Amino acid sequence: MENYLIDSFAWIEYFSGSNAGAIARPFIESNRGITPTIVIAELSEKYRREELSFDEDLDFITRRTNVISLDTSIAEKAGSLSHERKQKVKSWGLADSIVLATARIHNAKIVTGDEHFLDLTGEVIPIR
C-alpha cells in the first residue's frame, strides 16, 4: 500500500478549503498519510505569523496522519539531497530536503503544490 506525505502546502490548502485542498483531501483522509515534523514546524510558524490558533489543526494532523520525526537516517539523506537539489532548483531549502528524504525513506508520494517538487513527477502528486 502506498503512503502519502502531506506537505505544508497541502495542509494549508486543505484547512483553507481551497480547490487544491479538495484535491488533497482523499490523500489526507486515506489513513495512509504521513507528516514530517518539519512540516509541523512550518505550519506552526505560519499560524503564529498570521495570529491564528494552531491547536485544532495540529490535533487533526496528529490524529489523521503518522507524524514522522527527524532522525539520523532522514537527516543524512536530507543533507545529501540538499546538495544535489540546490544545483537544479532555485531556492531549494533544507526543509524541502527533509520532506523529500522522509518521503523516500517511507516510500511515500508527496502531496503538494509546491513548485520546488513538481519536477519529481514519479514522486509527487500535484494538487495545483
N, C-alpha and C. Protein backbone atom coordinates (compact mmCIF):
# COMPACT_ATOMS: atom_id res chain seq x y z
N MET A 1 0.83 -1.18 0.00
CA MET A 1 0.00 0.00 0.00
C MET A 1 0.88 1.25 0.00
N GLU A 2 0.49 2.21 -0.78
CA GLU A 2 1.26 3.44 -0.92
C GLU A 2 0.95 4.42 0.21
N ASN A 3 1.99 5.09 0.71
CA ASN A 3 1.84 6.15 1.69
C ASN A 3 1.85 7.49 0.98
N TYR A 4 1.29 8.49 1.65
CA TYR A 4 1.24 9.84 1.11
C TYR A 4 1.82 10.81 2.13
N LEU A 5 2.88 11.49 1.74
CA LEU A 5 3.45 12.51 2.59
C LEU A 5 2.70 13.81 2.33
N ILE A 6 2.10 14.35 3.36
CA ILE A 6 1.34 15.59 3.24
C ILE A 6 2.27 16.73 3.63
N ASP A 7 2.55 17.60 2.66
CA ASP A 7 3.48 18.69 2.95
C ASP A 7 2.73 19.93 3.41
N SER A 8 3.47 20.96 3.76
CA SER A 8 2.87 22.20 4.28
C SER A 8 1.87 22.81 3.31
N PHE A 9 2.23 22.85 2.04
CA PHE A 9 1.35 23.42 1.02
C PHE A 9 0.00 22.71 1.04
N ALA A 10 0.02 21.38 1.07
CA ALA A 10 -1.22 20.61 1.04
C ALA A 10 -2.05 20.84 2.29
N TRP A 11 -1.40 20.88 3.46
CA TRP A 11 -2.15 21.13 4.70
C TRP A 11 -2.79 22.50 4.69
N ILE A 12 -2.06 23.50 4.26
CA ILE A 12 -2.61 24.87 4.23
C ILE A 12 -3.83 24.92 3.32
N GLU A 13 -3.72 24.31 2.15
CA GLU A 13 -4.85 24.32 1.21
C GLU A 13 -6.03 23.51 1.75
N TYR A 14 -5.75 22.39 2.39
CA TYR A 14 -6.80 21.56 2.96
C TYR A 14 -7.58 22.33 4.02
N PHE A 15 -6.86 22.95 4.96
CA PHE A 15 -7.52 23.67 6.05
C PHE A 15 -8.22 24.94 5.57
N SER A 16 -7.77 25.51 4.45
CA SER A 16 -8.43 26.71 3.93
C SER A 16 -9.66 26.37 3.09
N GLY A 17 -9.81 25.11 2.74
CA GLY A 17 -10.97 24.69 1.95
C GLY A 17 -10.88 25.07 0.47
N SER A 18 -9.68 25.22 -0.03
CA SER A 18 -9.49 25.63 -1.44
C SER A 18 -9.70 24.45 -2.39
N ASN A 19 -9.67 24.74 -3.68
CA ASN A 19 -9.75 23.69 -4.70
C ASN A 19 -8.57 22.73 -4.59
N ALA A 20 -7.38 23.26 -4.36
CA ALA A 20 -6.21 22.40 -4.17
C ALA A 20 -6.38 21.54 -2.93
N GLY A 21 -6.99 22.09 -1.88
CA GLY A 21 -7.26 21.33 -0.68
C GLY A 21 -8.24 20.19 -0.93
N ALA A 22 -9.20 20.43 -1.81
CA ALA A 22 -10.16 19.38 -2.17
C ALA A 22 -9.46 18.24 -2.91
N ILE A 23 -8.46 18.57 -3.71
CA ILE A 23 -7.68 17.53 -4.40
C ILE A 23 -6.85 16.74 -3.39
N ALA A 24 -6.33 17.43 -2.37
CA ALA A 24 -5.51 16.78 -1.34
C ALA A 24 -6.35 15.93 -0.39
N ARG A 25 -7.62 16.26 -0.24
CA ARG A 25 -8.48 15.61 0.77
C ARG A 25 -8.43 14.08 0.76
N PRO A 26 -8.60 13.41 -0.38
CA PRO A 26 -8.60 11.94 -0.32
C PRO A 26 -7.28 11.34 0.17
N PHE A 27 -6.18 12.02 -0.07
CA PHE A 27 -4.88 11.53 0.39
C PHE A 27 -4.72 11.77 1.89
N ILE A 28 -5.18 12.93 2.34
CA ILE A 28 -5.11 13.26 3.76
C ILE A 28 -6.02 12.33 4.56
N GLU A 29 -7.19 12.05 4.03
CA GLU A 29 -8.18 11.25 4.75
C GLU A 29 -8.07 9.76 4.46
N SER A 30 -7.00 9.35 3.81
CA SER A 30 -6.82 7.94 3.41
C SER A 30 -6.36 7.01 4.53
N ASN A 31 -5.96 7.57 5.65
CA ASN A 31 -5.34 6.80 6.74
C ASN A 31 -3.99 6.21 6.33
N ARG A 32 -3.40 6.74 5.24
CA ARG A 32 -2.06 6.34 4.82
C ARG A 32 -1.15 7.55 4.71
N GLY A 33 -1.56 8.64 5.35
CA GLY A 33 -0.80 9.88 5.29
C GLY A 33 0.29 9.93 6.35
N ILE A 34 1.39 10.57 5.98
CA ILE A 34 2.46 10.84 6.94
C ILE A 34 2.76 12.34 6.90
N THR A 35 3.16 12.87 8.03
CA THR A 35 3.53 14.28 8.13
C THR A 35 4.86 14.38 8.85
N PRO A 36 5.90 14.90 8.18
CA PRO A 36 7.18 15.10 8.85
C PRO A 36 7.09 16.20 9.90
N THR A 37 7.87 16.08 10.96
CA THR A 37 7.84 17.11 12.00
C THR A 37 8.26 18.47 11.46
N ILE A 38 9.08 18.53 10.42
CA ILE A 38 9.46 19.82 9.84
C ILE A 38 8.24 20.54 9.28
N VAL A 39 7.26 19.79 8.78
CA VAL A 39 6.02 20.38 8.27
C VAL A 39 5.23 21.00 9.42
N ILE A 40 5.21 20.32 10.56
CA ILE A 40 4.52 20.88 11.72
C ILE A 40 5.20 22.18 12.15
N ALA A 41 6.53 22.22 12.11
CA ALA A 41 7.25 23.45 12.45
C ALA A 41 6.89 24.58 11.47
N GLU A 42 6.85 24.27 10.18
CA GLU A 42 6.50 25.28 9.18
C GLU A 42 5.08 25.81 9.40
N LEU A 43 4.16 24.90 9.66
CA LEU A 43 2.77 25.31 9.88
C LEU A 43 2.62 26.13 11.16
N SER A 44 3.30 25.70 12.21
CA SER A 44 3.25 26.42 13.48
C SER A 44 3.73 27.86 13.29
N GLU A 45 4.81 28.02 12.57
CA GLU A 45 5.34 29.37 12.31
C GLU A 45 4.34 30.19 11.51
N LYS A 46 3.74 29.62 10.48
CA LYS A 46 2.78 30.34 9.64
C LYS A 46 1.55 30.77 10.45
N TYR A 47 1.02 29.87 11.24
CA TYR A 47 -0.16 30.20 12.05
C TYR A 47 0.16 31.33 13.03
N ARG A 48 1.31 31.27 13.65
CA ARG A 48 1.68 32.33 14.59
C ARG A 48 1.90 33.66 13.87
N ARG A 49 2.53 33.61 12.71
CA ARG A 49 2.74 34.83 11.92
C ARG A 49 1.42 35.47 11.55
N GLU A 50 0.41 34.64 11.27
CA GLU A 50 -0.91 35.14 10.89
C GLU A 50 -1.85 35.30 12.08
N GLU A 51 -1.30 35.10 13.28
CA GLU A 51 -2.05 35.24 14.53
C GLU A 51 -3.29 34.36 14.57
N LEU A 52 -3.11 33.10 14.15
CA LEU A 52 -4.18 32.10 14.17
C LEU A 52 -3.84 31.03 15.20
N SER A 53 -4.85 30.39 15.74
CA SER A 53 -4.63 29.27 16.65
C SER A 53 -4.33 28.02 15.83
N PHE A 54 -3.32 27.29 16.23
CA PHE A 54 -2.89 26.08 15.53
C PHE A 54 -3.38 24.82 16.22
N ASP A 55 -3.86 24.94 17.45
CA ASP A 55 -4.18 23.77 18.28
C ASP A 55 -5.11 22.77 17.61
N GLU A 56 -6.22 23.23 17.09
CA GLU A 56 -7.21 22.32 16.50
C GLU A 56 -6.66 21.63 15.25
N ASP A 57 -6.00 22.38 14.39
CA ASP A 57 -5.44 21.78 13.17
C ASP A 57 -4.29 20.83 13.50
N LEU A 58 -3.47 21.18 14.48
CA LEU A 58 -2.38 20.29 14.90
C LEU A 58 -2.96 18.98 15.45
N ASP A 59 -4.01 19.08 16.23
CA ASP A 59 -4.66 17.88 16.76
C ASP A 59 -5.16 17.01 15.61
N PHE A 60 -5.77 17.63 14.59
CA PHE A 60 -6.26 16.89 13.44
C PHE A 60 -5.10 16.18 12.72
N ILE A 61 -4.00 16.89 12.50
CA ILE A 61 -2.83 16.32 11.83
C ILE A 61 -2.32 15.10 12.58
N THR A 62 -2.20 15.22 13.89
CA THR A 62 -1.64 14.12 14.67
C THR A 62 -2.60 12.94 14.79
N ARG A 63 -3.90 13.20 14.67
CA ARG A 63 -4.87 12.09 14.70
C ARG A 63 -5.01 11.41 13.35
N ARG A 64 -4.90 12.16 12.25
CA ARG A 64 -5.19 11.63 10.93
C ARG A 64 -3.98 11.11 10.17
N THR A 65 -2.77 11.52 10.58
CA THR A 65 -1.57 11.07 9.88
C THR A 65 -0.53 10.57 10.88
N ASN A 66 0.40 9.82 10.37
CA ASN A 66 1.52 9.35 11.17
C ASN A 66 2.59 10.44 11.14
N VAL A 67 2.89 11.02 12.28
CA VAL A 67 3.91 12.07 12.34
C VAL A 67 5.28 11.41 12.42
N ILE A 68 6.14 11.79 11.48
CA ILE A 68 7.47 11.21 11.35
C ILE A 68 8.51 12.20 11.87
N SER A 69 9.23 11.79 12.91
CA SER A 69 10.27 12.64 13.48
C SER A 69 11.53 12.60 12.63
N LEU A 70 12.26 13.68 12.68
CA LEU A 70 13.55 13.76 12.01
C LEU A 70 14.55 12.90 12.79
N ASP A 71 15.08 11.88 12.13
CA ASP A 71 16.07 11.02 12.78
C ASP A 71 17.37 11.08 11.99
N THR A 72 18.34 10.32 12.41
CA THR A 72 19.67 10.37 11.80
C THR A 72 19.64 9.97 10.34
N SER A 73 18.89 8.93 9.98
CA SER A 73 18.87 8.48 8.58
C SER A 73 18.21 9.52 7.68
N ILE A 74 17.12 10.13 8.15
CA ILE A 74 16.47 11.17 7.36
C ILE A 74 17.39 12.38 7.24
N ALA A 75 18.02 12.77 8.34
CA ALA A 75 18.91 13.93 8.33
C ALA A 75 20.08 13.74 7.36
N GLU A 76 20.70 12.56 7.39
CA GLU A 76 21.83 12.30 6.50
C GLU A 76 21.39 12.33 5.05
N LYS A 77 20.27 11.69 4.75
CA LYS A 77 19.76 11.68 3.38
C LYS A 77 19.36 13.09 2.94
N ALA A 78 18.77 13.86 3.85
CA ALA A 78 18.38 15.24 3.53
C ALA A 78 19.60 16.10 3.18
N GLY A 79 20.69 15.92 3.90
CA GLY A 79 21.90 16.68 3.59
C GLY A 79 22.42 16.38 2.20
N SER A 80 22.42 15.11 1.85
CA SER A 80 22.86 14.70 0.52
C SER A 80 21.92 15.24 -0.56
N LEU A 81 20.62 15.12 -0.32
CA LEU A 81 19.64 15.63 -1.29
C LEU A 81 19.71 17.14 -1.42
N SER A 82 19.98 17.83 -0.34
CA SER A 82 20.05 19.28 -0.36
C SER A 82 21.16 19.74 -1.31
N HIS A 83 22.31 19.10 -1.20
CA HIS A 83 23.43 19.44 -2.08
C HIS A 83 23.04 19.20 -3.54
N GLU A 84 22.44 18.08 -3.82
CA GLU A 84 22.05 17.71 -5.19
C GLU A 84 20.96 18.64 -5.75
N ARG A 85 19.90 18.86 -4.98
CA ARG A 85 18.75 19.63 -5.47
C ARG A 85 19.03 21.12 -5.61
N LYS A 86 19.90 21.66 -4.77
CA LYS A 86 20.23 23.09 -4.87
C LYS A 86 20.90 23.42 -6.19
N GLN A 87 21.51 22.44 -6.83
CA GLN A 87 22.12 22.67 -8.12
C GLN A 87 21.09 22.69 -9.24
N LYS A 88 19.88 22.15 -8.98
CA LYS A 88 18.84 22.04 -10.00
C LYS A 88 17.66 22.98 -9.79
N VAL A 89 17.34 23.29 -8.54
CA VAL A 89 16.11 24.01 -8.23
C VAL A 89 16.43 25.29 -7.47
N LYS A 90 16.05 26.41 -8.06
CA LYS A 90 16.28 27.70 -7.43
C LYS A 90 15.50 27.77 -6.11
N SER A 91 16.11 28.29 -5.11
CA SER A 91 15.57 28.49 -3.76
C SER A 91 15.14 27.20 -3.06
N TRP A 92 15.76 26.08 -3.43
CA TRP A 92 15.53 24.81 -2.72
C TRP A 92 16.07 24.97 -1.31
N GLY A 93 15.30 24.55 -0.32
CA GLY A 93 15.71 24.71 1.07
C GLY A 93 15.93 23.39 1.78
N LEU A 94 16.56 23.48 2.93
CA LEU A 94 16.82 22.29 3.72
C LEU A 94 15.50 21.63 4.16
N ALA A 95 14.47 22.41 4.46
CA ALA A 95 13.17 21.83 4.81
C ALA A 95 12.64 20.99 3.66
N ASP A 96 12.81 21.47 2.42
CA ASP A 96 12.40 20.69 1.25
C ASP A 96 13.15 19.36 1.21
N SER A 97 14.43 19.40 1.53
CA SER A 97 15.24 18.18 1.53
C SER A 97 14.78 17.20 2.60
N ILE A 98 14.39 17.71 3.75
CA ILE A 98 13.88 16.84 4.81
C ILE A 98 12.57 16.19 4.38
N VAL A 99 11.70 16.95 3.74
CA VAL A 99 10.44 16.40 3.23
C VAL A 99 10.72 15.30 2.21
N LEU A 100 11.59 15.59 1.25
CA LEU A 100 11.90 14.61 0.20
C LEU A 100 12.56 13.36 0.78
N ALA A 101 13.50 13.54 1.69
CA ALA A 101 14.17 12.39 2.32
C ALA A 101 13.17 11.54 3.09
N THR A 102 12.27 12.18 3.81
CA THR A 102 11.25 11.46 4.57
C THR A 102 10.37 10.65 3.63
N ALA A 103 9.96 11.26 2.53
CA ALA A 103 9.12 10.56 1.55
C ALA A 103 9.85 9.35 0.98
N ARG A 104 11.09 9.52 0.62
CA ARG A 104 11.83 8.41 0.01
C ARG A 104 12.06 7.28 1.01
N ILE A 105 12.40 7.60 2.22
CA ILE A 105 12.66 6.57 3.23
C ILE A 105 11.37 5.81 3.58
N HIS A 106 10.24 6.50 3.54
CA HIS A 106 8.97 5.88 3.91
C HIS A 106 8.13 5.47 2.69
N ASN A 107 8.76 5.44 1.52
CA ASN A 107 8.08 5.03 0.29
C ASN A 107 6.73 5.72 0.12
N ALA A 108 6.78 7.05 0.20
CA ALA A 108 5.57 7.86 0.11
C ALA A 108 5.65 8.83 -1.06
N LYS A 109 4.50 9.07 -1.66
CA LYS A 109 4.41 10.13 -2.67
C LYS A 109 4.08 11.43 -1.94
N ILE A 110 4.68 12.53 -2.41
CA ILE A 110 4.50 13.83 -1.78
C ILE A 110 3.27 14.51 -2.38
N VAL A 111 2.31 14.82 -1.53
CA VAL A 111 1.10 15.54 -1.95
C VAL A 111 1.40 17.01 -1.74
N THR A 112 1.49 17.76 -2.86
CA THR A 112 1.94 19.15 -2.78
C THR A 112 1.57 19.94 -4.01
N GLY A 113 1.63 21.23 -3.86
CA GLY A 113 1.55 22.15 -4.98
C GLY A 113 2.79 23.02 -5.01
N ASP A 114 3.73 22.73 -4.14
CA ASP A 114 4.98 23.49 -4.04
C ASP A 114 5.80 23.28 -5.31
N GLU A 115 6.12 24.36 -5.98
CA GLU A 115 6.84 24.30 -7.26
C GLU A 115 8.21 23.66 -7.14
N HIS A 116 8.81 23.66 -5.96
CA HIS A 116 10.12 23.04 -5.78
C HIS A 116 10.12 21.55 -6.09
N PHE A 117 8.97 20.90 -5.93
CA PHE A 117 8.88 19.45 -6.08
C PHE A 117 8.31 18.99 -7.42
N LEU A 118 7.78 19.90 -8.20
CA LEU A 118 6.98 19.50 -9.36
C LEU A 118 7.77 18.80 -10.46
N ASP A 119 9.09 18.90 -10.46
CA ASP A 119 9.88 18.18 -11.46
C ASP A 119 10.07 16.71 -11.08
N LEU A 120 9.71 16.34 -9.87
CA LEU A 120 9.86 14.96 -9.40
C LEU A 120 8.57 14.19 -9.70
N THR A 121 8.26 14.08 -10.97
CA THR A 121 6.95 13.60 -11.40
C THR A 121 6.57 12.23 -10.86
N GLY A 122 7.47 11.31 -10.74
CA GLY A 122 7.13 9.98 -10.24
C GLY A 122 6.98 9.94 -8.73
N GLU A 123 7.37 11.02 -8.05
CA GLU A 123 7.37 11.03 -6.59
C GLU A 123 6.36 11.98 -5.99
N VAL A 124 5.64 12.70 -6.84
CA VAL A 124 4.77 13.78 -6.38
C VAL A 124 3.36 13.60 -6.92
N ILE A 125 2.40 13.94 -6.09
CA ILE A 125 1.01 14.05 -6.53
C ILE A 125 0.70 15.54 -6.49
N PRO A 126 0.67 16.19 -7.67
CA PRO A 126 0.46 17.64 -7.70
C PRO A 126 -1.01 17.98 -7.41
N ILE A 127 -1.21 19.04 -6.62
CA ILE A 127 -2.57 19.43 -6.30
C ILE A 127 -2.89 20.83 -6.82
N ARG A 128 -2.11 21.32 -7.75
CA ARG A 128 -2.38 22.63 -8.35
C ARG A 128 -3.24 22.46 -9.57
